[in-house]
N, C-alpha and C. Protein backbone atom coordinates (compact mmCIF):
# COMPACT_ATOMS: atom_id res chain seq x y z
N MET A 1 24.25 20.72 -47.26
CA MET A 1 23.86 22.10 -46.75
C MET A 1 24.97 23.22 -47.38
N ARG A 2 24.86 24.26 -47.85
CA ARG A 2 25.78 25.17 -48.38
C ARG A 2 26.01 26.46 -47.34
N ASP A 3 26.98 27.20 -47.64
CA ASP A 3 27.49 28.60 -46.58
C ASP A 3 27.09 29.75 -47.67
N THR A 4 25.93 30.29 -47.33
CA THR A 4 25.32 31.67 -48.27
C THR A 4 25.83 32.71 -47.79
N HIS A 5 25.45 33.72 -48.31
CA HIS A 5 25.59 35.10 -47.96
C HIS A 5 24.69 35.38 -46.74
N LYS A 6 23.27 34.58 -46.59
CA LYS A 6 22.57 34.99 -45.64
C LYS A 6 22.92 34.41 -44.12
N HIS A 7 23.67 33.06 -44.29
CA HIS A 7 24.50 32.67 -43.10
C HIS A 7 25.46 33.66 -42.83
N LYS A 8 26.52 34.36 -43.95
CA LYS A 8 27.47 35.25 -43.13
C LYS A 8 27.00 36.31 -42.34
N GLY A 9 25.87 36.74 -42.99
CA GLY A 9 25.25 37.67 -42.22
C GLY A 9 24.83 37.59 -40.86
N MET A 10 24.17 36.05 -40.66
CA MET A 10 23.77 35.99 -39.19
C MET A 10 24.72 35.80 -38.33
N ARG A 11 26.02 35.45 -39.06
CA ARG A 11 27.22 35.05 -38.01
C ARG A 11 27.90 36.38 -37.90
N ASN A 12 27.74 37.57 -38.62
CA ASN A 12 28.06 38.74 -38.18
C ASN A 12 27.38 39.25 -36.97
N GLN A 13 26.00 39.21 -37.35
CA GLN A 13 24.84 39.38 -36.25
C GLN A 13 25.36 38.61 -34.87
N LEU A 14 25.98 37.13 -34.82
CA LEU A 14 26.21 36.70 -33.69
C LEU A 14 27.41 36.90 -33.09
N ALA A 15 28.37 37.55 -33.89
CA ALA A 15 29.43 38.03 -33.27
C ALA A 15 29.38 39.02 -32.65
N GLU A 16 28.28 40.22 -33.18
CA GLU A 16 28.10 41.42 -32.36
C GLU A 16 27.37 40.94 -31.09
N VAL A 17 26.57 39.86 -30.97
CA VAL A 17 25.72 39.64 -29.80
C VAL A 17 26.97 38.83 -28.62
N VAL A 18 27.92 38.23 -29.21
CA VAL A 18 29.09 37.73 -28.36
C VAL A 18 29.62 38.96 -28.12
N ALA A 19 30.15 39.96 -28.51
CA ALA A 19 31.18 41.03 -28.39
C ALA A 19 30.23 41.88 -27.64
N SER A 20 29.16 42.39 -27.49
CA SER A 20 28.17 42.80 -26.52
C SER A 20 28.09 42.08 -24.94
N LYS A 21 28.51 40.98 -25.00
CA LYS A 21 28.54 40.41 -23.91
C LYS A 21 29.66 40.45 -23.25
N GLY A 22 31.09 40.92 -23.99
CA GLY A 22 32.18 41.08 -23.15
C GLY A 22 33.45 40.60 -23.88
N ILE A 23 33.32 39.91 -25.06
CA ILE A 23 34.17 39.36 -25.61
C ILE A 23 35.01 40.77 -26.35
N LYS A 24 36.45 40.48 -26.10
CA LYS A 24 37.11 41.89 -27.03
C LYS A 24 38.22 41.20 -27.87
N ASP A 25 38.49 40.01 -27.70
CA ASP A 25 39.70 39.67 -28.86
C ASP A 25 39.13 39.42 -30.16
N GLN A 26 39.52 40.44 -30.77
CA GLN A 26 39.12 40.55 -32.42
C GLN A 26 39.54 39.20 -33.17
N LYS A 27 40.54 38.74 -33.01
CA LYS A 27 40.49 37.12 -33.88
C LYS A 27 39.47 36.02 -33.64
N VAL A 28 39.34 36.26 -32.07
CA VAL A 28 38.28 35.31 -31.75
C VAL A 28 36.80 35.73 -32.34
N LEU A 29 36.39 37.00 -32.25
CA LEU A 29 35.36 37.18 -32.87
C LEU A 29 35.20 36.98 -34.44
N GLU A 30 36.35 37.28 -35.25
CA GLU A 30 36.69 36.94 -36.56
C GLU A 30 36.54 35.43 -36.97
N ALA A 31 36.91 34.55 -35.75
CA ALA A 31 36.63 33.12 -36.06
C ALA A 31 35.02 32.93 -35.96
N ILE A 32 34.37 33.64 -34.76
CA ILE A 32 32.99 33.22 -34.86
C ILE A 32 32.34 33.56 -35.73
N LYS A 33 32.79 34.82 -36.57
CA LYS A 33 32.32 35.55 -38.09
C LYS A 33 32.38 34.37 -39.16
N THR A 34 33.64 33.71 -39.16
CA THR A 34 33.99 32.82 -40.15
C THR A 34 33.51 31.31 -40.13
N VAL A 35 33.53 30.70 -38.99
CA VAL A 35 33.26 29.19 -39.14
C VAL A 35 31.73 28.99 -39.25
N PRO A 36 31.17 28.24 -40.40
CA PRO A 36 29.72 28.22 -40.65
C PRO A 36 29.27 27.03 -39.65
N ARG A 37 28.87 27.67 -38.45
CA ARG A 37 28.27 26.94 -37.44
C ARG A 37 27.02 26.12 -37.84
N HIS A 38 26.22 26.32 -38.84
CA HIS A 38 25.08 26.04 -39.25
C HIS A 38 25.39 24.50 -40.03
N LEU A 39 26.95 24.21 -40.35
CA LEU A 39 27.18 22.84 -40.75
C LEU A 39 27.37 22.09 -39.81
N PHE A 40 27.56 22.48 -38.63
CA PHE A 40 28.00 21.43 -37.34
C PHE A 40 26.63 20.70 -36.64
N LEU A 41 25.37 21.29 -37.31
CA LEU A 41 24.05 20.97 -36.57
C LEU A 41 23.45 19.91 -37.72
N ASP A 42 22.50 19.22 -37.67
CA ASP A 42 21.79 18.63 -38.59
C ASP A 42 21.18 19.41 -39.33
N SER A 43 20.60 19.48 -40.50
CA SER A 43 19.85 20.48 -41.16
C SER A 43 18.70 20.81 -40.72
N GLY A 44 18.03 20.13 -40.52
CA GLY A 44 16.40 20.36 -39.88
C GLY A 44 16.47 21.63 -38.66
N PHE A 45 17.70 21.90 -38.08
CA PHE A 45 18.19 22.49 -36.88
C PHE A 45 18.86 24.05 -37.48
N GLU A 46 18.87 24.25 -38.78
CA GLU A 46 19.69 25.35 -39.48
C GLU A 46 19.23 26.70 -38.53
N ASP A 47 17.81 26.73 -38.31
CA ASP A 47 17.48 28.25 -37.78
C ASP A 47 17.90 28.46 -36.53
N HIS A 48 18.41 27.38 -35.99
CA HIS A 48 19.16 27.84 -34.49
C HIS A 48 20.23 27.54 -34.45
N ALA A 49 21.19 27.79 -35.37
CA ALA A 49 22.65 27.89 -35.79
C ALA A 49 23.42 29.18 -34.85
N TYR A 50 22.35 30.17 -35.40
CA TYR A 50 23.24 31.56 -35.11
C TYR A 50 22.46 32.32 -33.85
N GLN A 51 21.75 31.30 -33.18
CA GLN A 51 21.06 31.96 -32.15
C GLN A 51 22.40 31.64 -30.93
N ASP A 52 22.48 32.63 -29.86
CA ASP A 52 23.67 32.12 -29.14
C ASP A 52 23.41 31.43 -28.10
N LYS A 53 23.11 30.22 -28.19
CA LYS A 53 22.45 29.17 -27.33
C LYS A 53 23.17 27.76 -27.78
N ALA A 54 23.24 26.56 -26.39
CA ALA A 54 23.73 25.28 -26.66
C ALA A 54 22.64 24.64 -27.63
N PHE A 55 22.80 23.67 -27.94
CA PHE A 55 22.02 22.57 -28.65
C PHE A 55 22.10 21.41 -28.99
N PRO A 56 21.42 20.37 -28.50
CA PRO A 56 21.65 18.90 -28.82
C PRO A 56 22.01 18.49 -30.11
N ILE A 57 23.20 17.58 -30.08
CA ILE A 57 23.98 17.14 -31.05
C ILE A 57 23.98 15.51 -31.24
N GLY A 58 23.37 14.97 -30.31
CA GLY A 58 23.33 13.31 -30.37
C GLY A 58 24.24 12.86 -28.97
N ALA A 59 23.99 11.62 -28.67
CA ALA A 59 24.66 10.94 -27.75
C ALA A 59 24.68 12.00 -26.27
N ASP A 60 23.83 12.48 -26.27
CA ASP A 60 23.65 13.29 -24.58
C ASP A 60 24.58 14.47 -24.92
N GLN A 61 25.11 14.94 -25.95
CA GLN A 61 25.77 16.00 -25.70
C GLN A 61 25.46 17.36 -26.60
N THR A 62 26.08 18.39 -26.40
CA THR A 62 25.57 19.36 -27.16
C THR A 62 26.62 20.19 -27.50
N ILE A 63 26.45 20.95 -28.57
CA ILE A 63 27.34 22.17 -29.33
C ILE A 63 27.14 23.32 -28.42
N SER A 64 28.19 24.04 -27.84
CA SER A 64 28.48 24.80 -26.86
C SER A 64 27.98 26.19 -27.23
N GLN A 65 27.09 26.98 -26.64
CA GLN A 65 26.85 28.06 -26.77
C GLN A 65 27.84 29.07 -27.57
N PRO A 66 27.54 29.74 -28.53
CA PRO A 66 28.75 30.79 -28.93
C PRO A 66 29.48 31.70 -28.35
N TYR A 67 28.80 32.00 -27.47
CA TYR A 67 29.42 33.05 -25.89
C TYR A 67 30.47 32.12 -25.54
N THR A 68 30.15 30.78 -25.03
CA THR A 68 31.33 29.98 -24.18
C THR A 68 32.53 29.80 -24.92
N VAL A 69 32.06 29.28 -25.98
CA VAL A 69 33.00 29.05 -26.85
C VAL A 69 34.20 30.18 -27.07
N ALA A 70 33.68 31.46 -27.42
CA ALA A 70 34.34 32.43 -27.63
C ALA A 70 35.40 32.54 -26.40
N TYR A 71 34.18 32.70 -25.10
CA TYR A 71 34.82 32.83 -23.93
C TYR A 71 35.94 32.08 -23.63
N GLN A 72 35.57 30.81 -23.51
CA GLN A 72 37.09 29.72 -23.25
C GLN A 72 38.34 29.92 -24.24
N THR A 73 37.67 30.25 -25.52
CA THR A 73 38.72 30.78 -26.24
C THR A 73 39.69 31.90 -26.04
N GLU A 74 39.27 32.78 -25.57
CA GLU A 74 39.51 34.32 -25.38
C GLU A 74 40.47 33.96 -24.16
N LEU A 75 40.09 33.04 -23.19
CA LEU A 75 40.84 32.86 -21.87
C LEU A 75 42.19 31.87 -22.27
N LEU A 76 42.10 31.20 -23.26
CA LEU A 76 43.30 30.64 -23.57
C LEU A 76 44.48 31.57 -24.09
N GLN A 77 44.06 32.47 -24.72
CA GLN A 77 44.96 33.69 -25.47
C GLN A 77 45.98 32.91 -26.63
N VAL A 78 45.05 32.12 -27.37
CA VAL A 78 45.88 31.23 -28.58
C VAL A 78 46.52 31.99 -29.42
N ARG A 79 47.75 31.81 -29.69
CA ARG A 79 48.70 32.57 -30.67
C ARG A 79 48.86 31.66 -31.78
N PRO A 80 49.18 32.17 -32.93
CA PRO A 80 49.54 30.79 -34.14
C PRO A 80 50.70 30.02 -33.76
N GLY A 81 50.17 28.75 -34.24
CA GLY A 81 51.41 27.87 -33.78
C GLY A 81 51.27 27.21 -32.49
N ASN A 82 50.56 27.47 -31.70
CA ASN A 82 50.58 27.08 -30.39
C ASN A 82 49.68 25.64 -30.33
N LYS A 83 50.40 24.76 -29.36
CA LYS A 83 49.76 23.48 -29.10
C LYS A 83 48.83 23.28 -28.33
N ILE A 84 47.62 22.87 -28.82
CA ILE A 84 46.42 23.05 -27.92
C ILE A 84 45.58 21.72 -27.80
N LEU A 85 45.41 21.29 -26.64
CA LEU A 85 44.82 20.25 -26.46
C LEU A 85 43.13 20.32 -25.77
N GLU A 86 42.29 19.57 -26.69
CA GLU A 86 40.85 20.23 -26.50
C GLU A 86 40.37 18.74 -26.03
N ILE A 87 39.61 18.46 -24.76
CA ILE A 87 38.91 17.61 -23.88
C ILE A 87 37.50 17.64 -24.38
N GLY A 88 36.91 17.00 -25.49
CA GLY A 88 35.63 16.82 -25.51
C GLY A 88 35.40 17.40 -27.14
N THR A 89 35.57 16.65 -28.33
CA THR A 89 35.63 17.15 -29.60
C THR A 89 34.21 17.70 -29.70
N GLY A 90 33.08 16.76 -29.40
CA GLY A 90 31.78 16.92 -29.97
C GLY A 90 31.53 17.27 -31.24
N SER A 91 30.74 18.26 -31.63
CA SER A 91 30.54 18.63 -33.07
C SER A 91 31.38 19.09 -33.77
N GLY A 92 33.01 19.55 -33.27
CA GLY A 92 34.13 19.86 -33.89
C GLY A 92 34.18 21.38 -33.89
N TYR A 93 33.12 22.22 -33.58
CA TYR A 93 32.93 23.39 -33.88
C TYR A 93 34.00 24.35 -33.22
N GLN A 94 34.22 23.89 -31.70
CA GLN A 94 35.16 24.59 -30.98
C GLN A 94 36.40 24.23 -31.55
N THR A 95 36.66 23.24 -32.08
CA THR A 95 38.07 22.51 -32.68
C THR A 95 38.22 23.37 -33.79
N ALA A 96 37.04 23.65 -34.80
CA ALA A 96 37.46 24.60 -35.99
C ALA A 96 37.85 26.13 -35.66
N VAL A 97 37.25 26.65 -34.41
CA VAL A 97 37.18 28.21 -33.98
C VAL A 97 38.82 28.30 -33.76
N LEU A 98 39.31 27.07 -33.02
CA LEU A 98 40.77 26.94 -32.72
C LEU A 98 41.59 26.59 -33.89
N LEU A 99 41.12 25.94 -34.71
CA LEU A 99 42.25 26.15 -36.15
C LEU A 99 41.92 27.32 -37.29
N LYS A 100 40.76 28.02 -36.72
CA LYS A 100 40.97 29.43 -37.53
C LYS A 100 41.99 30.36 -36.73
N LEU A 101 42.36 30.20 -35.65
CA LEU A 101 43.12 30.82 -34.99
C LEU A 101 44.62 30.23 -35.21
N ASN A 102 44.69 29.39 -36.07
CA ASN A 102 45.92 28.92 -36.35
C ASN A 102 46.74 28.12 -35.46
N ALA A 103 45.89 27.36 -34.73
CA ALA A 103 46.64 26.51 -33.51
C ALA A 103 46.76 25.25 -33.90
N LYS A 104 47.51 24.41 -33.48
CA LYS A 104 47.98 23.00 -33.72
C LYS A 104 46.82 22.23 -32.74
N VAL A 105 45.70 21.66 -32.81
CA VAL A 105 44.92 21.25 -32.13
C VAL A 105 45.02 19.74 -32.06
N TYR A 106 44.99 19.13 -30.90
CA TYR A 106 44.92 17.88 -30.59
C TYR A 106 43.73 17.90 -29.66
N THR A 107 42.71 16.91 -30.25
CA THR A 107 41.41 16.59 -29.59
C THR A 107 40.69 15.30 -29.15
N ILE A 108 40.29 15.13 -28.21
CA ILE A 108 39.74 13.62 -27.86
C ILE A 108 38.26 13.87 -27.68
N GLU A 109 37.54 12.61 -27.78
CA GLU A 109 36.29 12.55 -27.70
C GLU A 109 36.12 11.11 -27.35
N ARG A 110 35.21 10.83 -26.21
CA ARG A 110 34.69 9.85 -25.81
C ARG A 110 33.54 9.00 -26.18
N GLN A 111 32.84 9.86 -26.70
CA GLN A 111 31.65 9.07 -27.17
C GLN A 111 31.61 8.68 -28.64
N GLN A 112 31.91 7.27 -28.97
CA GLN A 112 32.16 6.70 -30.11
C GLN A 112 31.36 6.96 -31.34
N GLU A 113 29.97 7.34 -30.74
CA GLU A 113 29.13 7.77 -32.09
C GLU A 113 29.49 9.25 -32.43
N LEU A 114 29.66 9.98 -31.66
CA LEU A 114 30.13 11.39 -31.79
C LEU A 114 31.48 11.47 -32.77
N PHE A 115 32.45 10.78 -32.24
CA PHE A 115 33.86 10.59 -32.89
C PHE A 115 33.83 10.23 -34.29
N LYS A 116 33.04 9.16 -34.35
CA LYS A 116 32.98 8.91 -35.99
C LYS A 116 31.85 10.01 -36.85
N LYS A 117 31.21 10.24 -36.15
CA LYS A 117 30.58 11.40 -37.02
C LYS A 117 31.40 12.69 -37.35
N THR A 118 31.95 13.04 -36.19
CA THR A 118 32.71 14.27 -36.51
C THR A 118 34.24 14.12 -37.22
N LYS A 119 34.71 12.80 -37.38
CA LYS A 119 35.58 12.59 -38.17
C LYS A 119 35.60 12.45 -39.30
N LEU A 120 34.40 12.00 -39.58
CA LEU A 120 34.06 12.25 -41.43
C LEU A 120 33.64 13.52 -41.85
N PHE A 121 33.38 14.18 -40.72
CA PHE A 121 32.81 15.62 -41.04
C PHE A 121 33.98 16.62 -41.25
N PHE A 122 34.99 16.40 -40.38
CA PHE A 122 36.25 17.15 -40.69
C PHE A 122 36.95 16.99 -42.00
N GLU A 123 37.24 15.20 -42.32
CA GLU A 123 37.54 14.97 -43.67
C GLU A 123 36.75 15.92 -44.81
N LYS A 124 35.38 15.64 -44.72
CA LYS A 124 34.71 16.33 -45.90
C LYS A 124 34.85 17.85 -45.61
N MET A 125 34.88 18.49 -44.74
CA MET A 125 35.23 20.06 -44.64
C MET A 125 36.48 20.39 -44.77
N GLY A 126 37.60 19.36 -44.70
CA GLY A 126 38.77 20.01 -44.94
C GLY A 126 39.44 20.51 -43.59
N TYR A 127 38.65 20.18 -42.48
CA TYR A 127 39.63 20.68 -41.16
C TYR A 127 40.73 19.46 -40.73
N ARG A 128 41.72 20.15 -40.24
CA ARG A 128 42.63 19.20 -40.00
C ARG A 128 42.89 19.39 -38.78
N PRO A 129 42.65 19.08 -37.47
CA PRO A 129 43.49 18.95 -36.12
C PRO A 129 44.63 18.03 -36.39
N LYS A 130 45.75 18.07 -35.64
CA LYS A 130 46.88 17.47 -35.50
C LYS A 130 46.55 16.06 -35.33
N LYS A 131 45.56 15.67 -34.40
CA LYS A 131 45.16 14.73 -34.11
C LYS A 131 43.86 14.73 -33.28
N LEU A 132 43.00 13.57 -33.73
CA LEU A 132 41.73 13.31 -33.20
C LEU A 132 41.66 11.86 -32.60
N VAL A 133 41.62 11.81 -31.44
CA VAL A 133 41.39 10.76 -30.49
C VAL A 133 40.11 10.24 -30.22
N PHE A 134 39.64 8.65 -30.24
CA PHE A 134 38.57 8.13 -29.35
C PHE A 134 39.30 7.86 -28.10
N GLY A 135 38.87 8.40 -26.89
CA GLY A 135 39.64 8.07 -25.80
C GLY A 135 38.95 8.72 -24.64
N ASP A 136 39.71 8.86 -23.31
CA ASP A 136 39.34 9.37 -22.18
C ASP A 136 40.17 10.64 -21.74
N GLY A 137 39.30 11.93 -22.03
CA GLY A 137 39.91 13.00 -21.77
C GLY A 137 40.40 13.29 -20.51
N TYR A 138 40.03 12.41 -19.31
CA TYR A 138 40.90 12.80 -18.25
C TYR A 138 42.35 12.64 -18.18
N LYS A 139 42.55 11.41 -19.34
CA LYS A 139 43.95 11.17 -19.02
C LYS A 139 44.83 12.30 -19.78
N GLY A 140 44.02 13.00 -20.85
CA GLY A 140 44.99 14.15 -21.69
C GLY A 140 45.71 12.93 -22.85
N LEU A 141 46.83 13.68 -23.41
CA LEU A 141 47.73 13.13 -24.24
C LEU A 141 49.38 13.43 -24.09
N PRO A 142 49.39 12.60 -22.99
CA PRO A 142 50.92 12.51 -22.71
C PRO A 142 51.87 12.54 -23.24
N GLU A 143 51.82 11.58 -24.64
CA GLU A 143 52.72 11.34 -25.58
C GLU A 143 53.07 12.57 -26.31
N ASP A 144 51.77 13.57 -26.55
CA ASP A 144 51.86 14.66 -27.22
C ASP A 144 52.06 16.19 -26.26
N ALA A 145 52.32 15.91 -24.85
CA ALA A 145 52.31 16.74 -24.23
C ALA A 145 53.95 17.14 -24.04
N PRO A 146 54.51 18.75 -24.01
CA PRO A 146 53.36 19.56 -23.26
C PRO A 146 52.56 20.41 -24.09
N PHE A 147 51.53 21.20 -23.48
CA PHE A 147 50.63 21.81 -24.46
C PHE A 147 50.52 23.27 -23.91
N ASP A 148 50.12 24.47 -24.85
CA ASP A 148 50.47 25.79 -24.72
C ASP A 148 49.15 26.01 -24.19
N GLY A 149 48.19 25.43 -24.28
CA GLY A 149 46.93 25.26 -23.65
C GLY A 149 46.22 24.11 -23.80
N ILE A 150 45.36 23.89 -22.57
CA ILE A 150 43.99 22.88 -22.74
C ILE A 150 42.89 23.26 -22.41
N ILE A 151 42.13 22.98 -23.13
CA ILE A 151 40.61 23.71 -22.99
C ILE A 151 39.70 22.34 -22.79
N VAL A 152 39.03 22.44 -21.69
CA VAL A 152 37.88 21.21 -21.52
C VAL A 152 36.56 22.10 -21.85
N THR A 153 35.68 21.10 -22.66
CA THR A 153 34.45 21.59 -22.84
C THR A 153 33.24 20.64 -22.40
N ALA A 154 33.65 20.06 -21.16
CA ALA A 154 32.47 19.26 -20.43
C ALA A 154 32.65 19.63 -19.03
N GLY A 155 31.77 19.55 -18.11
CA GLY A 155 31.85 19.98 -16.47
C GLY A 155 32.49 18.95 -15.92
N ALA A 156 33.75 19.13 -15.35
CA ALA A 156 34.53 18.43 -14.43
C ALA A 156 34.17 18.27 -13.23
N PRO A 157 33.70 17.24 -12.33
CA PRO A 157 33.65 17.22 -10.95
C PRO A 157 34.75 17.64 -10.22
N LYS A 158 36.24 17.41 -10.57
CA LYS A 158 36.99 17.81 -10.26
C LYS A 158 38.14 18.14 -11.23
N VAL A 159 39.31 18.70 -10.82
CA VAL A 159 40.51 19.09 -11.96
C VAL A 159 40.98 17.98 -12.12
N PRO A 160 41.39 17.29 -13.17
CA PRO A 160 42.18 16.15 -13.54
C PRO A 160 43.62 16.68 -13.55
N LYS A 161 44.61 16.00 -12.56
CA LYS A 161 45.87 16.75 -12.18
C LYS A 161 46.94 16.18 -13.52
N THR A 162 46.55 15.13 -13.92
CA THR A 162 47.16 15.02 -15.53
C THR A 162 47.11 15.90 -16.51
N LEU A 163 45.83 16.78 -16.39
CA LEU A 163 45.79 17.99 -17.38
C LEU A 163 46.98 18.97 -16.85
N LEU A 164 46.92 19.02 -15.57
CA LEU A 164 47.98 20.25 -15.15
C LEU A 164 49.18 19.81 -15.52
N SER A 165 49.62 18.52 -15.43
CA SER A 165 51.26 18.27 -15.32
C SER A 165 51.44 18.01 -16.97
N GLN A 166 50.32 18.48 -18.00
CA GLN A 166 50.47 18.30 -19.47
C GLN A 166 50.65 19.84 -19.92
N LEU A 167 50.94 20.80 -19.01
CA LEU A 167 51.06 21.97 -19.72
C LEU A 167 52.48 22.41 -19.28
N LYS A 168 52.74 23.38 -20.56
CA LYS A 168 53.98 23.85 -20.48
C LYS A 168 54.11 24.99 -19.46
N VAL A 169 55.00 25.48 -18.92
CA VAL A 169 55.18 26.69 -18.23
C VAL A 169 55.03 27.64 -19.23
N GLY A 170 54.06 28.70 -18.42
CA GLY A 170 53.39 29.79 -19.25
C GLY A 170 51.96 29.25 -19.86
N GLY A 171 51.67 27.93 -19.90
CA GLY A 171 50.53 27.58 -20.18
C GLY A 171 49.38 27.61 -19.45
N ARG A 172 48.21 27.42 -20.38
CA ARG A 172 46.93 27.95 -19.63
C ARG A 172 46.00 26.52 -19.71
N LEU A 173 45.26 26.11 -18.70
CA LEU A 173 44.36 25.20 -18.61
C LEU A 173 42.79 26.08 -18.15
N VAL A 174 42.08 25.73 -19.10
CA VAL A 174 40.17 26.63 -19.03
C VAL A 174 39.63 25.46 -18.93
N ILE A 175 39.11 25.28 -17.58
CA ILE A 175 38.32 23.95 -17.40
C ILE A 175 37.11 24.42 -16.44
N PRO A 176 35.79 24.01 -16.92
CA PRO A 176 34.48 24.23 -16.35
C PRO A 176 34.43 23.23 -15.27
N VAL A 177 34.53 23.49 -13.63
CA VAL A 177 34.57 22.64 -12.53
C VAL A 177 33.35 22.62 -11.72
N GLY A 178 32.69 21.85 -11.57
CA GLY A 178 31.24 21.52 -10.76
C GLY A 178 30.56 20.41 -11.22
N VAL A 179 29.65 20.23 -10.21
CA VAL A 179 28.50 19.09 -10.73
C VAL A 179 27.46 19.73 -11.56
N GLU A 180 26.27 20.21 -10.66
CA GLU A 180 25.34 20.83 -11.51
C GLU A 180 25.36 21.85 -12.41
N GLU A 181 25.92 22.80 -11.48
CA GLU A 181 26.27 23.92 -12.20
C GLU A 181 27.91 24.44 -12.08
N GLN A 182 28.43 24.73 -13.52
CA GLN A 182 30.28 24.90 -12.99
C GLN A 182 30.63 26.24 -13.09
N THR A 183 31.90 26.31 -12.44
CA THR A 183 32.52 27.58 -12.29
C THR A 183 33.86 27.37 -13.38
N MET A 184 33.73 28.27 -14.20
CA MET A 184 34.63 28.78 -15.19
C MET A 184 36.09 28.71 -14.47
N VAL A 185 37.39 28.00 -14.44
CA VAL A 185 38.81 28.48 -13.84
C VAL A 185 39.79 27.89 -14.82
N LEU A 186 40.57 29.02 -14.65
CA LEU A 186 41.60 29.41 -15.21
C LEU A 186 42.92 28.73 -14.73
N PHE A 187 43.73 28.05 -15.17
CA PHE A 187 44.92 27.64 -14.42
C PHE A 187 46.09 28.14 -15.11
N GLU A 188 47.23 29.00 -14.76
CA GLU A 188 48.49 29.50 -15.48
C GLU A 188 49.53 28.61 -15.16
N ARG A 189 50.26 27.94 -15.74
CA ARG A 189 51.50 27.27 -14.95
C ARG A 189 52.56 28.50 -15.14
N LYS A 190 52.75 28.74 -13.57
CA LYS A 190 53.71 29.69 -13.55
C LYS A 190 55.02 28.93 -13.59
N SER A 191 55.47 27.67 -12.83
CA SER A 191 56.90 27.03 -12.93
C SER A 191 56.29 25.68 -12.84
N GLU A 192 57.54 24.86 -12.77
CA GLU A 192 57.25 23.34 -12.58
C GLU A 192 56.28 23.10 -11.44
N LYS A 193 56.20 23.85 -10.66
CA LYS A 193 55.32 23.55 -9.14
C LYS A 193 54.24 24.10 -9.01
N LYS A 194 54.37 25.55 -9.53
CA LYS A 194 53.65 26.74 -8.90
C LYS A 194 52.29 26.74 -10.31
N PHE A 195 51.33 27.04 -9.86
CA PHE A 195 49.88 27.07 -10.67
C PHE A 195 49.15 28.25 -10.33
N GLU A 196 48.82 29.19 -11.04
CA GLU A 196 47.80 30.45 -10.51
C GLU A 196 46.75 30.03 -10.87
N LYS A 197 45.65 30.17 -10.24
CA LYS A 197 44.38 29.43 -10.61
C LYS A 197 43.37 30.97 -10.28
N LYS A 198 42.63 30.99 -10.96
CA LYS A 198 41.40 31.97 -11.07
C LYS A 198 39.93 31.48 -11.31
N GLU A 199 39.02 31.77 -10.28
CA GLU A 199 37.65 31.50 -10.60
C GLU A 199 36.90 32.40 -11.26
N LEU A 200 36.31 32.18 -12.75
CA LEU A 200 35.51 33.08 -12.94
C LEU A 200 33.98 32.60 -12.87
N GLY A 201 33.20 33.06 -14.18
CA GLY A 201 31.53 32.99 -13.92
C GLY A 201 31.05 31.46 -13.97
N ALA A 202 29.85 31.47 -13.63
CA ALA A 202 29.19 30.25 -13.56
C ALA A 202 28.76 29.91 -15.09
N PHE A 203 28.58 28.51 -15.44
CA PHE A 203 28.15 28.28 -16.55
C PHE A 203 27.60 26.77 -16.48
N ARG A 204 26.94 26.22 -17.41
CA ARG A 204 26.48 24.66 -17.59
C ARG A 204 26.86 23.91 -18.69
N PHE A 205 27.58 22.78 -18.19
CA PHE A 205 28.02 21.78 -19.52
C PHE A 205 27.36 20.58 -19.14
N VAL A 206 27.44 20.00 -19.99
CA VAL A 206 27.21 18.14 -19.86
C VAL A 206 28.40 17.83 -19.19
N PRO A 207 28.31 16.76 -18.50
CA PRO A 207 29.47 16.27 -17.73
C PRO A 207 30.52 15.66 -18.43
N LEU A 208 31.57 15.70 -17.62
CA LEU A 208 32.90 15.50 -18.27
C LEU A 208 33.01 14.06 -17.60
N LEU A 209 33.17 12.64 -18.28
CA LEU A 209 33.12 11.40 -17.64
C LEU A 209 33.99 10.88 -18.06
N GLU A 210 34.73 9.96 -16.88
CA GLU A 210 35.81 9.28 -17.06
C GLU A 210 35.51 7.95 -16.92
N ASP A 211 36.66 7.34 -17.78
CA ASP A 211 36.90 6.15 -18.29
C ASP A 211 37.08 5.31 -16.81
N LYS A 212 36.59 4.53 -16.05
CA LYS A 212 36.67 3.84 -14.96
C LYS A 212 37.68 2.26 -14.96
N ASN A 213 37.93 2.00 -16.39
CA ASN A 213 38.44 0.83 -16.40
C ASN A 213 40.42 0.94 -16.66
């Protein structure tokens, strides 16, 4: 598949839709306009790529709704050079948006089928996260911590303390918490022991699975 003027026009319209729902960060909107979302879906579903909705990508996972990607990204307040940990690589679309913001992205995927597919896709497209790991997102990446931001792209029944511990002071964790329906929660680390917590809107995500081994 190619990226054409038609696709770019559809992305501009998508960015307008996302902005109309309350996204104000111009750099995030510019990333939505730039990242070719249709290339992250199988070619037969190209017509769905620039609608503001989630879509199945295999292994019981979805590519997140563009508004949700923009919302979580805006909450992170990414600055160029920030170290961002992403839990749930999925199709790689959220990763690409973070890379477009010049973040250093460390990303974990626990579904092997998706991990292999996305790894090949990144190589083909020239997307270069700092690290793409097949593993358990609940554990984070302690060897690469601390992070300026951590984004979780699946619904967690509880907040993993391991992820909070891997935040820098001043860092932000954005995580959807809940089972059937999730509440988006933002944690900001104020000091070694103090976190500020904000509960935001309701969302629906696929579940964040924990490796019980």
